[in-house]
Each structure stands twice: as structure tokens, then as C-alpha cells.
Amino acid sequence: MPPFHWWRTVFYLIPAITIYTIVLGAASIVSSLFDRRGYFAHGCARAWSWLILKTTGVRVRVEGLERITPGTTYVFVSNHQSIYDTPVIFASLPYQLRIIAKESLARFPVLGWHLRRGGHLFVDRRHPDPAGILKRWRALVSEGLSLIIYAEGTRSADGRVARFKGGSFLLAIQAGLPIVPVAVIHTRSVMPKSRLRTEPADVELIVHDPIQPPAIDAPTPRDAKALADRVHDIVAAAVQARQPNGW
């Protein structure tokens, strides 16, 4: 017989989250008719995130917000343990955040429409457009927006922080935007990859000191890899230090 938390997820959480998504997604889409910068849509996303965490029973402790300056445009780079990482980050960081998502997500009813109308960036991995993405990144400063990137490219299967991909770091160097390493810890306890069951948990979000990318006129993949490895080591050390019994 399935455990209690499976029944709770399927018959309580999923219907509740579906309602949150439809109501707040619709409000976000309507708001895009008069709010082109997507500020109200981001407020909807934060409310959606808070409701999901509250309904699931996820308690978040945030550390290090004093290390970053309100009103500054940042590229937040995080590890990725669970689909709950995004609600944790959106509910906890008091910034206008936009994500980089795969193009297929834009086709999802309501959620995809909200993301596209809210100014989030979509990337076709088969036919990427680095020049177009860089142009959008450089526009972030004038719009007062920040980016959140999961540099591993996918969720971790075991909690370890995989190597960070260099593509986003190359763009960060070209755009000259400061990078903030962010460690999300214990969200796998809520819902690990490939499991249809959620459980209440205490999670942590650790914000590290910003890193200013090197001023390089023509950065190379090697420059991006060096920066990616530097940020990876900061995030991985924080995640590993908070594991109760190592890995």
C-alpha cells in the first residue's frame, strides 16, 4: 500500500498546486497587458512559491542576504536538487528574478504562458542563439532584473553538486554581470528526482558573496570554465558541509 505522503501528494498537494498555478498564472498573464516589465507577474510567482512551500510544509532558513546589495542586477547561480528549488529561491530572494528555461517549457498551458509573458528567457538547446541571449542579459540592468541559473543543467540524482556548465558563465563575462553563488540544501528531502511523493522538511538557502567576472574583451571557453569551477567549488563546499553524515 502506498505510504501516507504519496496519498497526500496525489490527492491534496497536486490539486492544490494546480489551482495555485491556474489562478496566479492567469493573473500574471492578464497583468502582462499593462506591465511589460513583468513586475506584477513576478509577484504572482513569489505568491505561488510561498503557497507551495506552505502547503507542503517546507520551512526555509535563509543565510547571507546581507552579502548582496538591493537594486543590483545579479546572476544567481544555484545547484539543483529538486523541483522545489525554484519555489524556495523565488520565495526567499527579494529580487525581480527571471529564469533561463528550455524552450519546451514555454508550450505548457498557463505556466509556460506566464513564463513567456513575464520576461523569462527560453533556450532551444538544439539551436541556441548566444547573441540573442547576450542582448537580453545586457538589457537586464536597465529593467532592474536578475537571473537565476541552475548551472548543472539538470537535477542531481544523489545530492552531490555536478560540474557546472560553462555556457552561462561565458555570457556572464561578456555581459559583465556579477555572479552570486547560491546553495540550496535539503530540498531532496522534500522531493528528490524521479519520485512522486513530497514530505515536509527544513531546508536552507545560503547566499554567498558576489563574484565580479574578469574584464575580458574576448572571453574563451577556458575563461568560462575557470569561473564555473570557482563558483561550483563554493556551492559544493556549502552543500557538503551541511550534510548530516557526509554523502
C-alpha atoms as a PDB file:
ATOM      1  CA  MET A   1       0.000   0.000   0.000  1.00  0.00           C
ATOM      2  CA  PRO A   2       1.422   3.457  -0.884  1.00  0.00           C
ATOM      3  CA  PRO A   3       2.670   5.472   2.112  1.00  0.00           C
ATOM      4  CA  PHE A   4       0.756   8.384   3.597  1.00  0.00           C
ATOM      5  CA  HIS A   5       2.874  11.053   1.887  1.00  0.00           C
ATOM      6  CA  TRP A   6       2.133   9.541  -1.544  1.00  0.00           C
ATOM      7  CA  TRP A   7      -1.614   9.849  -0.937  1.00  0.00           C
ATOM      8  CA  ARG A   8      -1.120  13.354   0.454  1.00  0.00           C
ATOM      9  CA  THR A   9       0.862  14.378  -2.624  1.00  0.00           C
ATOM     10  CA  VAL A  10      -1.512  12.926  -5.205  1.00  0.00           C
ATOM     11  CA  PHE A  11      -4.860  13.844  -3.658  1.00  0.00           C
ATOM     12  CA  TYR A  12      -4.019  17.054  -1.804  1.00  0.00           C
ATOM     13  CA  LEU A  13      -0.819  18.750  -2.952  1.00  0.00           C
ATOM     14  CA  ILE A  14      -1.131  18.230  -6.705  1.00  0.00           C
ATOM     15  CA  PRO A  15      -4.742  19.526  -6.849  1.00  0.00           C
ATOM     16  CA  ALA A  16      -3.831  22.481  -4.608  1.00  0.00           C
ATOM     17  CA  ILE A  17      -0.759  23.387  -6.679  1.00  0.00           C
ATOM     18  CA  THR A  18      -2.810  23.058  -9.867  1.00  0.00           C
ATOM     19  CA  ILE A  19      -5.290  25.611  -8.511  1.00  0.00           C
ATOM     20  CA  TYR A  20      -2.467  27.964  -7.464  1.00  0.00           C
ATOM     21  CA  THR A  21      -0.932  27.677 -10.927  1.00  0.00           C
ATOM     22  CA  ILE A  22      -4.175  28.355 -12.793  1.00  0.00           C
ATOM     23  CA  VAL A  23      -5.287  31.306 -10.630  1.00  0.00           C
ATOM     24  CA  LEU A  24      -1.927  33.054 -10.259  1.00  0.00           C
ATOM     25  CA  GLY A  25      -0.821  32.153 -13.776  1.00  0.00           C
ATOM     26  CA  ALA A  26      -3.979  33.705 -15.201  1.00  0.00           C
ATOM     27  CA  ALA A  27      -3.468  36.843 -13.079  1.00  0.00           C
ATOM     28  CA  SER A  28       0.115  37.027 -14.309  1.00  0.00           C
ATOM     29  CA  ILE A  29      -0.900  36.723 -17.957  1.00  0.00           C
ATOM     30  CA  VAL A  30      -3.566  39.416 -17.600  1.00  0.00           C
ATOM     31  CA  SER A  31      -1.098  41.725 -15.841  1.00  0.00           C
ATOM     32  CA  SER A  32       1.280  41.464 -18.798  1.00  0.00           C
ATOM     33  CA  LEU A  33      -1.173  43.566 -20.816  1.00  0.00           C
ATOM     34  CA  PHE A  34      -0.262  46.644 -18.745  1.00  0.00           C
ATOM     35  CA  ASP A  35       3.006  45.649 -17.031  1.00  0.00           C
ATOM     36  CA  ARG A  36       5.521  44.947 -19.788  1.00  0.00           C
ATOM     37  CA  ARG A  37       8.444  44.553 -17.376  1.00  0.00           C
ATOM     38  CA  GLY A  38       6.749  41.645 -15.612  1.00  0.00           C
ATOM     39  CA  TYR A  39       6.999  43.055 -12.088  1.00  0.00           C
ATOM     40  CA  PHE A  40       3.459  42.052 -11.141  1.00  0.00           C
ATOM     41  CA  ALA A  41       3.981  38.644 -12.750  1.00  0.00           C
ATOM     42  CA  HIS A  42       6.994  38.151 -10.525  1.00  0.00           C
ATOM     43  CA  GLY A  43       4.819  38.991  -7.528  1.00  0.00           C
ATOM     44  CA  CYS A  44       2.462  36.234  -8.670  1.00  0.00           C
ATOM     45  CA  ALA A  45       5.409  33.845  -8.925  1.00  0.00           C
ATOM     46  CA  ARG A  46       6.520  34.698  -5.388  1.00  0.00           C
ATOM     47  CA  ALA A  47       2.977  34.168  -4.061  1.00  0.00           C
ATOM     48  CA  TRP A  48       2.771  30.864  -5.974  1.00  0.00           C
ATOM     49  CA  SER A  49       6.085  29.776  -4.449  1.00  0.00           C
ATOM     50  CA  TRP A  50       5.064  30.769  -0.913  1.00  0.00           C
ATOM     51  CA  LEU A  51       1.777  28.868  -1.198  1.00  0.00           C
ATOM     52  CA  ILE A  52       3.521  25.726  -2.465  1.00  0.00           C
ATOM     53  CA  LEU A  53       6.047  25.789   0.376  1.00  0.00           C
ATOM     54  CA  LYS A  54       3.360  26.482   2.988  1.00  0.00           C
ATOM     55  CA  THR A  55       1.051  23.757   1.679  1.00  0.00           C
ATOM     56  CA  THR A  56       3.860  21.206   1.520  1.00  0.00           C
ATOM     57  CA  GLY A  57       5.236  22.095   4.946  1.00  0.00           C
ATOM     58  CA  VAL A  58       8.633  23.352   3.792  1.00  0.00           C
ATOM     59  CA  ARG A  59      10.379  25.714   6.208  1.00  0.00           C
ATOM     60  CA  VAL A  60      13.220  27.792   4.729  1.00  0.00           C
ATOM     61  CA  ARG A  61      16.150  29.300   6.608  1.00  0.00           C
ATOM     62  CA  VAL A  62      17.955  31.943   4.556  1.00  0.00           C
ATOM     63  CA  GLU A  63      21.565  32.884   5.259  1.00  0.00           C
ATOM     64  CA  GLY A  64      23.698  35.613   3.675  1.00  0.00           C
ATOM     65  CA  LEU A  65      21.189  38.124   2.279  1.00  0.00           C
ATOM     66  CA  GLU A  66      23.297  40.883   3.840  1.00  0.00           C
ATOM     67  CA  ARG A  67      26.066  40.000   1.378  1.00  0.00           C
ATOM     68  CA  ILE A  68      24.176  41.372  -1.611  1.00  0.00           C
ATOM     69  CA  THR A  69      23.000  44.895  -2.411  1.00  0.00           C
ATOM     70  CA  PRO A  70      19.287  45.621  -3.082  1.00  0.00           C
ATOM     71  CA  GLY A  71      18.666  47.100  -6.516  1.00  0.00           C
ATOM     72  CA  THR A  72      21.750  45.499  -8.084  1.00  0.00           C
ATOM     73  CA  THR A  73      21.398  43.194 -11.080  1.00  0.00           C
ATOM     74  CA  TYR A  74      22.906  39.774 -10.316  1.00  0.00           C
ATOM     75  CA  VAL A  75      23.241  36.386 -11.934  1.00  0.00           C
ATOM     76  CA  PHE A  76      22.322  33.960  -9.148  1.00  0.00           C
ATOM     77  CA  VAL A  77      23.906  30.555  -9.801  1.00  0.00           C
ATOM     78  CA  SER A  78      22.473  27.646  -7.828  1.00  0.00           C
ATOM     79  CA  ASN A  79      22.815  23.917  -7.503  1.00  0.00           C
ATOM     80  CA  HIS A  80      19.717  21.894  -8.391  1.00  0.00           C
ATOM     81  CA  GLN A  81      18.435  19.144  -6.079  1.00  0.00           C
ATOM     82  CA  SER A  82      14.670  19.187  -6.548  1.00  0.00           C
ATOM     83  CA  ILE A  83      11.800  20.866  -8.369  1.00  0.00           C
ATOM     84  CA  TYR A  84      11.259  22.612  -5.018  1.00  0.00           C
ATOM     85  CA  ASP A  85      14.455  24.635  -5.535  1.00  0.00           C
ATOM     86  CA  THR A  86      12.596  27.204  -7.636  1.00  0.00           C
ATOM     87  CA  PRO A  87       9.832  27.914  -5.087  1.00  0.00           C
ATOM     88  CA  VAL A  88      12.482  28.168  -2.352  1.00  0.00           C
ATOM     89  CA  ILE A  89      14.557  30.674  -4.341  1.00  0.00           C
ATOM     90  CA  PHE A  90      11.645  32.781  -5.587  1.00  0.00           C
ATOM     91  CA  ALA A  91      10.042  32.983  -2.140  1.00  0.00           C
ATOM     92  CA  SER A  92      13.329  33.805  -0.397  1.00  0.00           C
ATOM     93  CA  LEU A  93      15.258  36.226  -2.613  1.00  0.00           C
ATOM     94  CA  PRO A  94      13.785  39.767  -2.623  1.00  0.00           C
ATOM     95  CA  TYR A  95      14.770  40.422  -6.245  1.00  0.00           C
ATOM     96  CA  GLN A  96      12.983  40.584  -9.567  1.00  0.00           C
ATOM     97  CA  LEU A  97      14.101  37.168 -10.813  1.00  0.00           C
ATOM     98  CA  ARG A  98      13.960  35.680 -14.284  1.00  0.00           C
ATOM     99  CA  ILE A  99      14.977  32.147 -15.183  1.00  0.00           C
ATOM    100  CA  ILE A 100      16.536  30.556 -18.250  1.00  0.00           C
ATOM    101  CA  ALA A 101      14.355  27.603 -19.242  1.00  0.00           C
ATOM    102  CA  LYS A 102      14.290  25.118 -22.085  1.00  0.00           C
ATOM    103  CA  GLU A 103      12.066  26.060 -24.998  1.00  0.00           C
ATOM    104  CA  SER A 104       9.693  23.110 -24.493  1.00  0.00           C
ATOM    105  CA  LEU A 105       8.560  24.571 -21.150  1.00  0.00           C
ATOM    106  CA  ALA A 106       7.069  27.569 -22.978  1.00  0.00           C
ATOM    107  CA  ARG A 107       4.439  25.264 -24.512  1.00  0.00           C
ATOM    108  CA  PHE A 108       2.929  24.256 -21.155  1.00  0.00           C
ATOM    109  CA  PRO A 109      -0.569  25.719 -20.676  1.00  0.00           C
ATOM    110  CA  VAL A 110      -0.745  28.575 -18.136  1.00  0.00           C
ATOM    111  CA  LEU A 111       2.747  28.013 -16.661  1.00  0.00           C
ATOM    112  CA  GLY A 112       4.530  28.378 -19.988  1.00  0.00           C
ATOM    113  CA  TRP A 113       2.383  31.358 -20.958  1.00  0.00           C
ATOM    114  CA  HIS A 114       3.156  33.010 -17.614  1.00  0.00           C
ATOM    115  CA  LEU A 115       6.902  32.486 -18.079  1.00  0.00           C
ATOM    116  CA  ARG A 116       6.945  33.859 -21.593  1.00  0.00           C
ATOM    117  CA  ARG A 117       4.763  36.887 -20.811  1.00  0.00           C
ATOM    118  CA  GLY A 118       6.735  37.512 -17.608  1.00  0.00           C
ATOM    119  CA  GLY A 119      10.017  38.057 -19.440  1.00  0.00           C
ATOM    120  CA  HIS A 120      11.764  34.785 -18.687  1.00  0.00           C
ATOM    121  CA  LEU A 121      14.342  33.522 -21.181  1.00  0.00           C
ATOM    122  CA  PHE A 122      13.879  30.393 -23.251  1.00  0.00           C
ATOM    123  CA  VAL A 123      16.692  28.477 -24.927  1.00  0.00           C
ATOM    124  CA  ASP A 124      16.365  25.978 -27.734  1.00  0.00           C
ATOM    125  CA  ARG A 125      19.196  23.603 -26.841  1.00  0.00           C
ATOM    126  CA  ARG A 126      19.311  22.217 -30.377  1.00  0.00           C
ATOM    127  CA  HIS A 127      19.551  25.684 -31.949  1.00  0.00           C
ATOM    128  CA  PRO A 128      20.910  28.089 -29.319  1.00  0.00           C
ATOM    129  CA  ASP A 129      21.158  31.813 -30.016  1.00  0.00           C
ATOM    130  CA  PRO A 130      24.032  33.134 -27.843  1.00  0.00           C
ATOM    131  CA  ALA A 131      23.926  36.603 -29.404  1.00  0.00           C
ATOM    132  CA  GLY A 132      20.206  36.983 -28.701  1.00  0.00           C
ATOM    133  CA  ILE A 133      20.592  35.746 -25.128  1.00  0.00           C
ATOM    134  CA  LEU A 134      23.521  38.095 -24.500  1.00  0.00           C
ATOM    135  CA  LYS A 135      21.465  41.046 -25.778  1.00  0.00           C
ATOM    136  CA  ARG A 136      18.674  40.121 -23.359  1.00  0.00           C
ATOM    137  CA  TRP A 137      21.145  39.759 -20.489  1.00  0.00           C
ATOM    138  CA  ARG A 138      22.557  43.224 -21.095  1.00  0.00           C
ATOM    139  CA  ALA A 139      19.031  44.641 -21.014  1.00  0.00           C
ATOM    140  CA  LEU A 140      18.509  43.252 -17.514  1.00  0.00           C
ATOM    141  CA  VAL A 141      20.361  46.143 -15.901  1.00  0.00           C
ATOM    142  CA  SER A 142      18.055  48.814 -17.324  1.00  0.00           C
ATOM    143  CA  GLU A 143      14.998  46.746 -16.395  1.00  0.00           C
ATOM    144  CA  GLY A 144      16.101  46.089 -12.800  1.00  0.00           C
ATOM    145  CA  LEU A 145      16.008  42.308 -13.222  1.00  0.00           C
ATOM    146  CA  SER A 146      18.251  39.480 -12.060  1.00  0.00           C
ATOM    147  CA  LEU A 147      18.738  35.958 -13.405  1.00  0.00           C
ATOM    148  CA  ILE A 148      18.649  32.581 -11.688  1.00  0.00           C
ATOM    149  CA  ILE A 149      20.605  29.767 -13.345  1.00  0.00           C
ATOM    150  CA  TYR A 150      20.900  26.084 -12.465  1.00  0.00           C
ATOM    151  CA  ALA A 151      24.392  25.575 -13.837  1.00  0.00           C
ATOM    152  CA  GLU A 152      24.396  21.778 -13.524  1.00  0.00           C
ATOM    153  CA  GLY A 153      21.821  21.640 -16.301  1.00  0.00           C
ATOM    154  CA  THR A 154      19.630  19.075 -14.543  1.00  0.00           C
ATOM    155  CA  ARG A 155      18.604  17.965 -11.066  1.00  0.00           C
ATOM    156  CA  SER A 156      21.079  15.958  -9.014  1.00  0.00           C
ATOM    157  CA  ALA A 157      20.182  12.304  -8.533  1.00  0.00           C
ATOM    158  CA  ASP A 158      22.153  11.874  -5.296  1.00  0.00           C
ATOM    159  CA  GLY A 159      22.550  15.373  -3.856  1.00  0.00           C
ATOM    160  CA  ARG A 160      26.126  15.874  -4.985  1.00  0.00           C
ATOM    161  CA  VAL A 161      26.778  19.055  -6.953  1.00  0.00           C
ATOM    162  CA  ALA A 162      27.761  18.112 -10.501  1.00  0.00           C
ATOM    163  CA  ARG A 163      30.187  20.140 -12.587  1.00  0.00           C
ATOM    164  CA  PHE A 164      28.791  23.491 -13.713  1.00  0.00           C
ATOM    165  CA  LYS A 165      28.384  24.025 -17.449  1.00  0.00           C
ATOM    166  CA  GLY A 166      30.394  26.923 -18.854  1.00  0.00           C
ATOM    167  CA  GLY A 167      27.953  28.450 -21.349  1.00  0.00           C
ATOM    168  CA  SER A 168      26.164  30.708 -18.891  1.00  0.00           C
ATOM    169  CA  PHE A 169      29.445  31.839 -17.372  1.00  0.00           C
ATOM    170  CA  LEU A 170      30.771  32.847 -20.780  1.00  0.00           C
ATOM    171  CA  LEU A 171      27.691  35.040 -21.212  1.00  0.00           C
ATOM    172  CA  ALA A 172      28.118  36.457 -17.693  1.00  0.00           C
ATOM    173  CA  ILE A 173      31.681  37.501 -18.538  1.00  0.00           C
ATOM    174  CA  GLN A 174      30.543  39.093 -21.803  1.00  0.00           C
ATOM    175  CA  ALA A 175      27.680  40.922 -20.074  1.00  0.00           C
ATOM    176  CA  GLY A 176      29.850  41.968 -17.131  1.00  0.00           C
ATOM    177  CA  LEU A 177      27.198  40.976 -14.565  1.00  0.00           C
ATOM    178  CA  PRO A 178      28.223  39.938 -11.031  1.00  0.00           C
ATOM    179  CA  ILE A 179      27.605  36.307 -10.100  1.00  0.00           C
ATOM    180  CA  VAL A 180      26.185  35.252  -6.743  1.00  0.00           C
ATOM    181  CA  PRO A 181      26.756  31.590  -5.781  1.00  0.00           C
ATOM    182  CA  VAL A 182      23.652  30.166  -4.087  1.00  0.00           C
ATOM    183  CA  ALA A 183      23.480  26.825  -2.271  1.00  0.00           C
ATOM    184  CA  VAL A 184      20.101  25.141  -1.869  1.00  0.00           C
ATOM    185  CA  ILE A 185      20.275  22.430   0.771  1.00  0.00           C
ATOM    186  CA  HIS A 186      17.943  19.588   1.826  1.00  0.00           C
ATOM    187  CA  THR A 187      15.275  20.115  -0.871  1.00  0.00           C
ATOM    188  CA  ARG A 188      15.880  16.486  -1.865  1.00  0.00           C
ATOM    189  CA  SER A 189      14.264  15.637   1.466  1.00  0.00           C
ATOM    190  CA  VAL A 190      11.087  17.260   0.169  1.00  0.00           C
ATOM    191  CA  MET A 191      11.010  15.659  -3.274  1.00  0.00           C
ATOM    192  CA  PRO A 192      14.058  14.032  -4.877  1.00  0.00           C
ATOM    193  CA  LYS A 193      14.327  13.493  -8.597  1.00  0.00           C
ATOM    194  CA  SER A 194      12.039  10.817 -10.105  1.00  0.00           C
ATOM    195  CA  ARG A 195       9.821  10.440  -7.020  1.00  0.00           C
ATOM    196  CA  LEU A 196       6.126  11.283  -6.910  1.00  0.00           C
ATOM    197  CA  ARG A 197       5.976  11.989  -3.195  1.00  0.00           C
ATOM    198  CA  THR A 198       6.618  15.094  -1.110  1.00  0.00           C
ATOM    199  CA  GLU A 199       7.351  15.402   2.591  1.00  0.00           C
ATOM    200  CA  PRO A 200       7.597  18.378   4.968  1.00  0.00           C
ATOM    201  CA  ALA A 201      11.208  19.406   5.646  1.00  0.00           C
ATOM    202  CA  ASP A 202      13.534  22.134   6.860  1.00  0.00           C
ATOM    203  CA  VAL A 203      15.683  23.487   4.023  1.00  0.00           C
ATOM    204  CA  GLU A 204      18.419  26.088   3.780  1.00  0.00           C
ATOM    205  CA  LEU A 205      19.310  28.737   1.237  1.00  0.00           C
ATOM    206  CA  ILE A 206      22.846  30.122   1.549  1.00  0.00           C
ATOM    207  CA  VAL A 207      23.734  33.275  -0.386  1.00  0.00           C
ATOM    208  CA  HIS A 208      27.464  33.814  -0.912  1.00  0.00           C
ATOM    209  CA  ASP A 209      29.474  36.935  -1.702  1.00  0.00           C
ATOM    210  CA  PRO A 210      29.096  38.244  -5.284  1.00  0.00           C
ATOM    211  CA  ILE A 211      31.893  37.492  -7.742  1.00  0.00           C
ATOM    212  CA  GLN A 212      32.690  40.072 -10.408  1.00  0.00           C
ATOM    213  CA  PRO A 213      33.624  38.296 -13.672  1.00  0.00           C
ATOM    214  CA  PRO A 214      37.021  39.176 -15.136  1.00  0.00           C
ATOM    215  CA  ALA A 215      37.027  42.063 -17.604  1.00  0.00           C
ATOM    216  CA  ILE A 216      37.940  40.249 -20.815  1.00  0.00           C
ATOM    217  CA  ASP A 217      37.166  41.669 -24.259  1.00  0.00           C
ATOM    218  CA  ALA A 218      37.027  38.275 -25.970  1.00  0.00           C
ATOM    219  CA  PRO A 219      36.490  35.587 -23.298  1.00  0.00           C
ATOM    220  CA  THR A 220      37.154  31.984 -24.275  1.00  0.00           C
ATOM    221  CA  PRO A 221      35.524  28.731 -23.116  1.00  0.00           C
ATOM    222  CA  ARG A 222      38.587  28.245 -20.928  1.00  0.00           C
ATOM    223  CA  ASP A 223      37.852  31.541 -19.145  1.00  0.00           C
ATOM    224  CA  ALA A 224      34.248  30.452 -18.643  1.00  0.00           C
ATOM    225  CA  LYS A 225      35.299  27.058 -17.298  1.00  0.00           C
ATOM    226  CA  ALA A 226      37.646  28.658 -14.767  1.00  0.00           C
ATOM    227  CA  LEU A 227      34.846  30.891 -13.493  1.00  0.00           C
ATOM    228  CA  ALA A 228      32.362  27.988 -13.481  1.00  0.00           C
ATOM    229  CA  ASP A 229      34.749  25.840 -11.454  1.00  0.00           C
ATOM    230  CA  ARG A 230      35.290  28.662  -8.953  1.00  0.00           C
ATOM    231  CA  VAL A 231      31.562  29.115  -8.384  1.00  0.00           C
ATOM    232  CA  HIS A 232      30.998  25.345  -8.306  1.00  0.00           C
ATOM    233  CA  ASP A 233      33.564  24.868  -5.552  1.00  0.00           C
ATOM    234  CA  ILE A 234      31.856  27.495  -3.359  1.00  0.00           C
ATOM    235  CA  VAL A 235      28.398  25.960  -3.792  1.00  0.00           C
ATOM    236  CA  ALA A 236      29.568  22.347  -3.480  1.00  0.00           C
ATOM    237  CA  ALA A 237      31.505  23.089  -0.274  1.00  0.00           C
ATOM    238  CA  ALA A 238      28.423  24.672   1.310  1.00  0.00           C
ATOM    239  CA  VAL A 239      26.176  21.764   0.318  1.00  0.00           C
ATOM    240  CA  GLN A 240      28.627  19.121   1.520  1.00  0.00           C
ATOM    241  CA  ALA A 241      29.247  20.907   4.838  1.00  0.00           C
ATOM    242  CA  ARG A 242      25.538  20.774   5.695  1.00  0.00           C
ATOM    243  CA  GLN A 243      25.083  17.045   5.061  1.00  0.00           C
ATOM    244  CA  PRO A 244      24.406  15.338   8.425  1.00  0.00           C
ATOM    245  CA  ASN A 245      26.500  12.256   7.672  1.00  0.00           C
ATOM    246  CA  GLY A 246      28.532  13.268   4.631  1.00  0.00           C
ATOM    247  CA  TRP A 247      27.064  11.826   1.467  1.00  0.00           C
END
